[in-house]
């Protein structure tokens, strides 16, 4: 961890987050993202088919408050919200689920002189994300993706 980072971005299924994903799954929600700050702020981004309502966020917040107490999870403040229209894509399953939608993908290292691809998600083939960008199909390994987000439909 760097000394100047405000948030630690945590991938689901690492460390203690596996039980959080399981807990949310049992309620019918998907853990999309988790942010934890050094000041004790925990942000949980959830999704479900059909989208997230304010009532969903309240339900999950109340449930997690109790679960965190039982698990001894140390935090100061909890925020639960929808991932938004520009939902982050974190796993291969996300790219499969949103095949046919437009996304912005930022690569860790430039490829053919580009670090940013904005195009249509073609799906996942052989464990690689396939993006249609400028009339060409790009196959990208998950490990080569710095971050990816859906482009909101207008």
C-alpha atoms as a PDB file:
ATOM      1  CA  UNK A   1       0.000   0.000   0.000  1.00  0.00           C
ATOM      2  CA  UNK A   2       1.259   3.429  -0.894  1.00  0.00           C
ATOM      3  CA  UNK A   3       1.313   6.142   1.727  1.00  0.00           C
ATOM      4  CA  UNK A   4      -0.745   8.566  -0.355  1.00  0.00           C
ATOM      5  CA  UNK A   5      -3.604   6.304  -1.462  1.00  0.00           C
ATOM      6  CA  UNK A   6      -6.975   7.410  -0.145  1.00  0.00           C
ATOM      7  CA  UNK A   7      -8.825   4.204  -1.013  1.00  0.00           C
ATOM      8  CA  UNK A   8      -7.730   0.610  -1.149  1.00  0.00           C
ATOM      9  CA  UNK A   9      -9.577  -1.070  -3.977  1.00  0.00           C
ATOM     10  CA  UNK A  10     -10.255  -4.706  -3.150  1.00  0.00           C
ATOM     11  CA  UNK A  11     -11.177  -7.404  -5.627  1.00  0.00           C
ATOM     12  CA  UNK A  12     -14.035  -9.654  -4.493  1.00  0.00           C
ATOM     13  CA  UNK A  13     -13.033 -13.150  -3.316  1.00  0.00           C
ATOM     14  CA  UNK A  14      -9.733 -12.018  -1.812  1.00  0.00           C
ATOM     15  CA  UNK A  15      -9.132 -12.060   1.914  1.00  0.00           C
ATOM     16  CA  UNK A  16     -12.285 -11.553   3.935  1.00  0.00           C
ATOM     17  CA  UNK A  17     -14.391 -10.422   0.960  1.00  0.00           C
ATOM     18  CA  UNK A  18     -15.347 -13.987  -0.018  1.00  0.00           C
ATOM     19  CA  UNK A  19     -17.774 -14.211   2.900  1.00  0.00           C
ATOM     20  CA  UNK A  20     -19.208 -10.811   1.953  1.00  0.00           C
ATOM     21  CA  UNK A  21     -19.904 -12.029  -1.577  1.00  0.00           C
ATOM     22  CA  UNK A  22     -21.518 -15.193  -0.182  1.00  0.00           C
ATOM     23  CA  UNK A  23     -23.646 -13.202   2.269  1.00  0.00           C
ATOM     24  CA  UNK A  24     -24.904 -10.855  -0.444  1.00  0.00           C
ATOM     25  CA  UNK A  25     -25.531 -13.772  -2.797  1.00  0.00           C
ATOM     26  CA  UNK A  26     -27.781 -15.425  -0.215  1.00  0.00           C
ATOM     27  CA  UNK A  27     -29.895 -12.239  -0.234  1.00  0.00           C
ATOM     28  CA  UNK A  28     -30.124 -12.235  -4.039  1.00  0.00           C
ATOM     29  CA  UNK A  29     -27.517  -9.517  -4.653  1.00  0.00           C
ATOM     30  CA  UNK A  30     -24.194  -9.509  -6.460  1.00  0.00           C
ATOM     31  CA  UNK A  31     -21.121  -7.855  -4.944  1.00  0.00           C
ATOM     32  CA  UNK A  32     -19.880  -5.626  -7.772  1.00  0.00           C
ATOM     33  CA  UNK A  33     -17.157  -3.711  -5.980  1.00  0.00           C
ATOM     34  CA  UNK A  34     -15.815  -2.965  -2.539  1.00  0.00           C
ATOM     35  CA  UNK A  35     -13.846   0.080  -1.438  1.00  0.00           C
ATOM     36  CA  UNK A  36     -12.276   0.427   1.986  1.00  0.00           C
ATOM     37  CA  UNK A  37     -10.518   3.566   3.176  1.00  0.00           C
ATOM     38  CA  UNK A  38      -8.020   3.864   5.982  1.00  0.00           C
ATOM     39  CA  UNK A  39     -10.461   6.161   7.776  1.00  0.00           C
ATOM     40  CA  UNK A  40     -12.860   3.225   8.180  1.00  0.00           C
ATOM     41  CA  UNK A  41     -15.283   4.002   5.352  1.00  0.00           C
ATOM     42  CA  UNK A  42     -16.570   0.856   3.627  1.00  0.00           C
ATOM     43  CA  UNK A  43     -18.375   1.262   0.310  1.00  0.00           C
ATOM     44  CA  UNK A  44     -20.241  -1.754  -1.027  1.00  0.00           C
ATOM     45  CA  UNK A  45     -21.598  -1.669  -4.580  1.00  0.00           C
ATOM     46  CA  UNK A  46     -24.367  -4.185  -5.273  1.00  0.00           C
ATOM     47  CA  UNK A  47     -26.436  -5.236  -8.260  1.00  0.00           C
ATOM     48  CA  UNK A  48     -29.267  -7.604  -9.138  1.00  0.00           C
ATOM     49  CA  UNK A  49     -31.277  -8.325 -12.267  1.00  0.00           C
ATOM     50  CA  UNK A  50     -33.617  -5.411 -12.846  1.00  0.00           C
ATOM     51  CA  UNK A  51     -31.387  -2.951 -10.978  1.00  0.00           C
ATOM     52  CA  UNK A  52     -31.051  -1.628  -7.456  1.00  0.00           C
ATOM     53  CA  UNK A  53     -33.522   0.535  -5.532  1.00  0.00           C
ATOM     54  CA  UNK A  54     -33.069   2.666  -2.435  1.00  0.00           C
ATOM     55  CA  UNK A  55     -34.936  -0.039  -0.492  1.00  0.00           C
ATOM     56  CA  UNK A  56     -32.395  -2.635  -1.683  1.00  0.00           C
ATOM     57  CA  UNK A  57     -29.563  -0.453  -0.393  1.00  0.00           C
ATOM     58  CA  UNK A  58     -31.294  -0.025   2.973  1.00  0.00           C
ATOM     59  CA  UNK A  59     -31.952  -3.770   3.258  1.00  0.00           C
ATOM     60  CA  UNK A  60     -28.323  -4.644   2.496  1.00  0.00           C
ATOM     61  CA  UNK A  61     -26.989  -1.892   4.770  1.00  0.00           C
ATOM     62  CA  UNK A  62     -29.073  -3.124   7.716  1.00  0.00           C
ATOM     63  CA  UNK A  63     -28.075  -6.729   7.071  1.00  0.00           C
ATOM     64  CA  UNK A  64     -24.367  -5.938   6.703  1.00  0.00           C
ATOM     65  CA  UNK A  65     -24.356  -3.854   9.873  1.00  0.00           C
ATOM     66  CA  UNK A  66     -25.457  -6.954  11.793  1.00  0.00           C
ATOM     67  CA  UNK A  67     -23.114  -9.302   9.884  1.00  0.00           C
ATOM     68  CA  UNK A  68     -20.118  -7.000  10.423  1.00  0.00           C
ATOM     69  CA  UNK A  69     -20.835  -6.951  14.168  1.00  0.00           C
ATOM     70  CA  UNK A  70     -20.979 -10.758  14.316  1.00  0.00           C
ATOM     71  CA  UNK A  71     -17.851 -11.194  12.135  1.00  0.00           C
ATOM     72  CA  UNK A  72     -15.898  -8.559  14.076  1.00  0.00           C
ATOM     73  CA  UNK A  73     -15.337  -6.560  10.871  1.00  0.00           C
ATOM     74  CA  UNK A  74     -13.839  -3.213  11.906  1.00  0.00           C
ATOM     75  CA  UNK A  75     -15.283  -0.145  10.162  1.00  0.00           C
ATOM     76  CA  UNK A  76     -16.475   3.377  10.975  1.00  0.00           C
ATOM     77  CA  UNK A  77     -19.091   4.027   8.280  1.00  0.00           C
ATOM     78  CA  UNK A  78     -20.876   1.856   5.732  1.00  0.00           C
ATOM     79  CA  UNK A  79     -22.259   3.015   2.378  1.00  0.00           C
ATOM     80  CA  UNK A  80     -24.220   0.688   0.103  1.00  0.00           C
ATOM     81  CA  UNK A  81     -25.129   1.714  -3.421  1.00  0.00           C
ATOM     82  CA  UNK A  82     -25.791   0.689  -6.993  1.00  0.00           C
ATOM     83  CA  UNK A  83     -22.770   0.471  -9.305  1.00  0.00           C
ATOM     84  CA  UNK A  84     -24.347   3.140 -11.517  1.00  0.00           C
ATOM     85  CA  UNK A  85     -24.940   3.255 -15.249  1.00  0.00           C
ATOM     86  CA  UNK A  86     -21.188   3.040 -15.906  1.00  0.00           C
ATOM     87  CA  UNK A  87     -20.913  -0.203 -13.941  1.00  0.00           C
ATOM     88  CA  UNK A  88     -17.385  -1.506 -13.450  1.00  0.00           C
ATOM     89  CA  UNK A  89     -16.536  -4.803 -15.127  1.00  0.00           C
ATOM     90  CA  UNK A  90     -14.323  -6.782 -12.764  1.00  0.00           C
ATOM     91  CA  UNK A  91     -14.636 -10.456 -13.738  1.00  0.00           C
ATOM     92  CA  UNK A  92     -14.875 -12.545 -16.889  1.00  0.00           C
ATOM     93  CA  UNK A  93     -18.492 -13.264 -15.935  1.00  0.00           C
ATOM     94  CA  UNK A  94     -19.221  -9.503 -16.153  1.00  0.00           C
ATOM     95  CA  UNK A  95     -17.964  -9.411 -19.742  1.00  0.00           C
ATOM     96  CA  UNK A  96     -20.053 -12.492 -20.607  1.00  0.00           C
ATOM     97  CA  UNK A  97     -23.160 -10.997 -18.982  1.00  0.00           C
ATOM     98  CA  UNK A  98     -22.815  -7.659 -20.781  1.00  0.00           C
ATOM     99  CA  UNK A  99     -21.836  -9.009 -24.210  1.00  0.00           C
ATOM    100  CA  UNK A 100     -23.310  -6.748 -26.867  1.00  0.00           C
ATOM    101  CA  UNK A 101     -22.975  -3.620 -24.715  1.00  0.00           C
ATOM    102  CA  UNK A 102     -20.404  -0.866 -25.190  1.00  0.00           C
ATOM    103  CA  UNK A 103     -17.556  -0.565 -22.699  1.00  0.00           C
ATOM    104  CA  UNK A 104     -14.441   1.467 -22.071  1.00  0.00           C
ATOM    105  CA  UNK A 105     -11.420  -0.694 -21.282  1.00  0.00           C
ATOM    106  CA  UNK A 106      -8.153   0.730 -20.003  1.00  0.00           C
ATOM    107  CA  UNK A 107      -5.133  -1.514 -20.462  1.00  0.00           C
ATOM    108  CA  UNK A 108      -2.252  -1.707 -17.997  1.00  0.00           C
ATOM    109  CA  UNK A 109       0.264  -1.411 -20.841  1.00  0.00           C
ATOM    110  CA  UNK A 110      -0.171   0.057 -24.321  1.00  0.00           C
ATOM    111  CA  UNK A 111      -1.017  -2.344 -27.095  1.00  0.00           C
ATOM    112  CA  UNK A 112      -0.524  -1.232 -30.695  1.00  0.00           C
ATOM    113  CA  UNK A 113       0.005   2.247 -29.267  1.00  0.00           C
ATOM    114  CA  UNK A 114      -3.292   2.289 -27.333  1.00  0.00           C
ATOM    115  CA  UNK A 115      -4.141   2.015 -23.653  1.00  0.00           C
ATOM    116  CA  UNK A 116      -7.836   2.864 -23.972  1.00  0.00           C
ATOM    117  CA  UNK A 117     -10.329   0.864 -26.004  1.00  0.00           C
ATOM    118  CA  UNK A 118     -13.962   1.875 -26.339  1.00  0.00           C
ATOM    119  CA  UNK A 119     -16.063  -0.613 -28.210  1.00  0.00           C
ATOM    120  CA  UNK A 120     -18.634  -3.362 -28.117  1.00  0.00           C
ATOM    121  CA  UNK A 121     -18.093  -6.349 -25.844  1.00  0.00           C
ATOM    122  CA  UNK A 122     -18.147  -9.419 -28.086  1.00  0.00           C
ATOM    123  CA  UNK A 123     -17.915 -11.775 -25.113  1.00  0.00           C
ATOM    124  CA  UNK A 124     -15.348 -14.128 -23.649  1.00  0.00           C
ATOM    125  CA  UNK A 125     -13.469 -16.623 -25.807  1.00  0.00           C
ATOM    126  CA  UNK A 126     -10.889 -19.001 -24.383  1.00  0.00           C
ATOM    127  CA  UNK A 127     -10.680 -17.066 -21.119  1.00  0.00           C
ATOM    128  CA  UNK A 128      -9.972 -13.804 -22.977  1.00  0.00           C
ATOM    129  CA  UNK A 129     -12.209 -10.734 -23.161  1.00  0.00           C
ATOM    130  CA  UNK A 130     -13.089  -9.912 -26.766  1.00  0.00           C
ATOM    131  CA  UNK A 131     -13.806  -6.290 -27.690  1.00  0.00           C
ATOM    132  CA  UNK A 132     -14.837  -4.996 -31.106  1.00  0.00           C
ATOM    133  CA  UNK A 133     -12.929  -1.738 -31.526  1.00  0.00           C
ATOM    134  CA  UNK A 134     -12.450   0.268 -34.752  1.00  0.00           C
ATOM    135  CA  UNK A 135     -13.623  -2.617 -36.927  1.00  0.00           C
ATOM    136  CA  UNK A 136     -11.233  -5.098 -35.345  1.00  0.00           C
ATOM    137  CA  UNK A 137     -11.629  -7.778 -32.658  1.00  0.00           C
ATOM    138  CA  UNK A 138      -9.238  -7.398 -29.749  1.00  0.00           C
ATOM    139  CA  UNK A 139      -8.670 -10.315 -27.370  1.00  0.00           C
ATOM    140  CA  UNK A 140      -7.446  -9.130 -24.003  1.00  0.00           C
ATOM    141  CA  UNK A 141      -6.488 -11.153 -20.921  1.00  0.00           C
ATOM    142  CA  UNK A 142      -8.144 -10.050 -17.658  1.00  0.00           C
ATOM    143  CA  UNK A 143      -4.665  -9.568 -16.184  1.00  0.00           C
ATOM    144  CA  UNK A 144      -3.917  -6.956 -18.867  1.00  0.00           C
ATOM    145  CA  UNK A 145      -6.982  -4.834 -17.993  1.00  0.00           C
ATOM    146  CA  UNK A 146      -6.386  -1.967 -15.587  1.00  0.00           C
ATOM    147  CA  UNK A 147     -10.086  -1.098 -15.389  1.00  0.00           C
ATOM    148  CA  UNK A 148     -13.231  -1.458 -17.450  1.00  0.00           C
ATOM    149  CA  UNK A 149     -16.651   0.149 -17.295  1.00  0.00           C
ATOM    150  CA  UNK A 150     -19.888  -0.034 -19.246  1.00  0.00           C
ATOM    151  CA  UNK A 151     -20.692   2.960 -21.403  1.00  0.00           C
ATOM    152  CA  UNK A 152     -24.147   4.194 -20.299  1.00  0.00           C
ATOM    153  CA  UNK A 153     -26.906   3.781 -22.870  1.00  0.00           C
ATOM    154  CA  UNK A 154     -28.313   7.148 -23.913  1.00  0.00           C
END
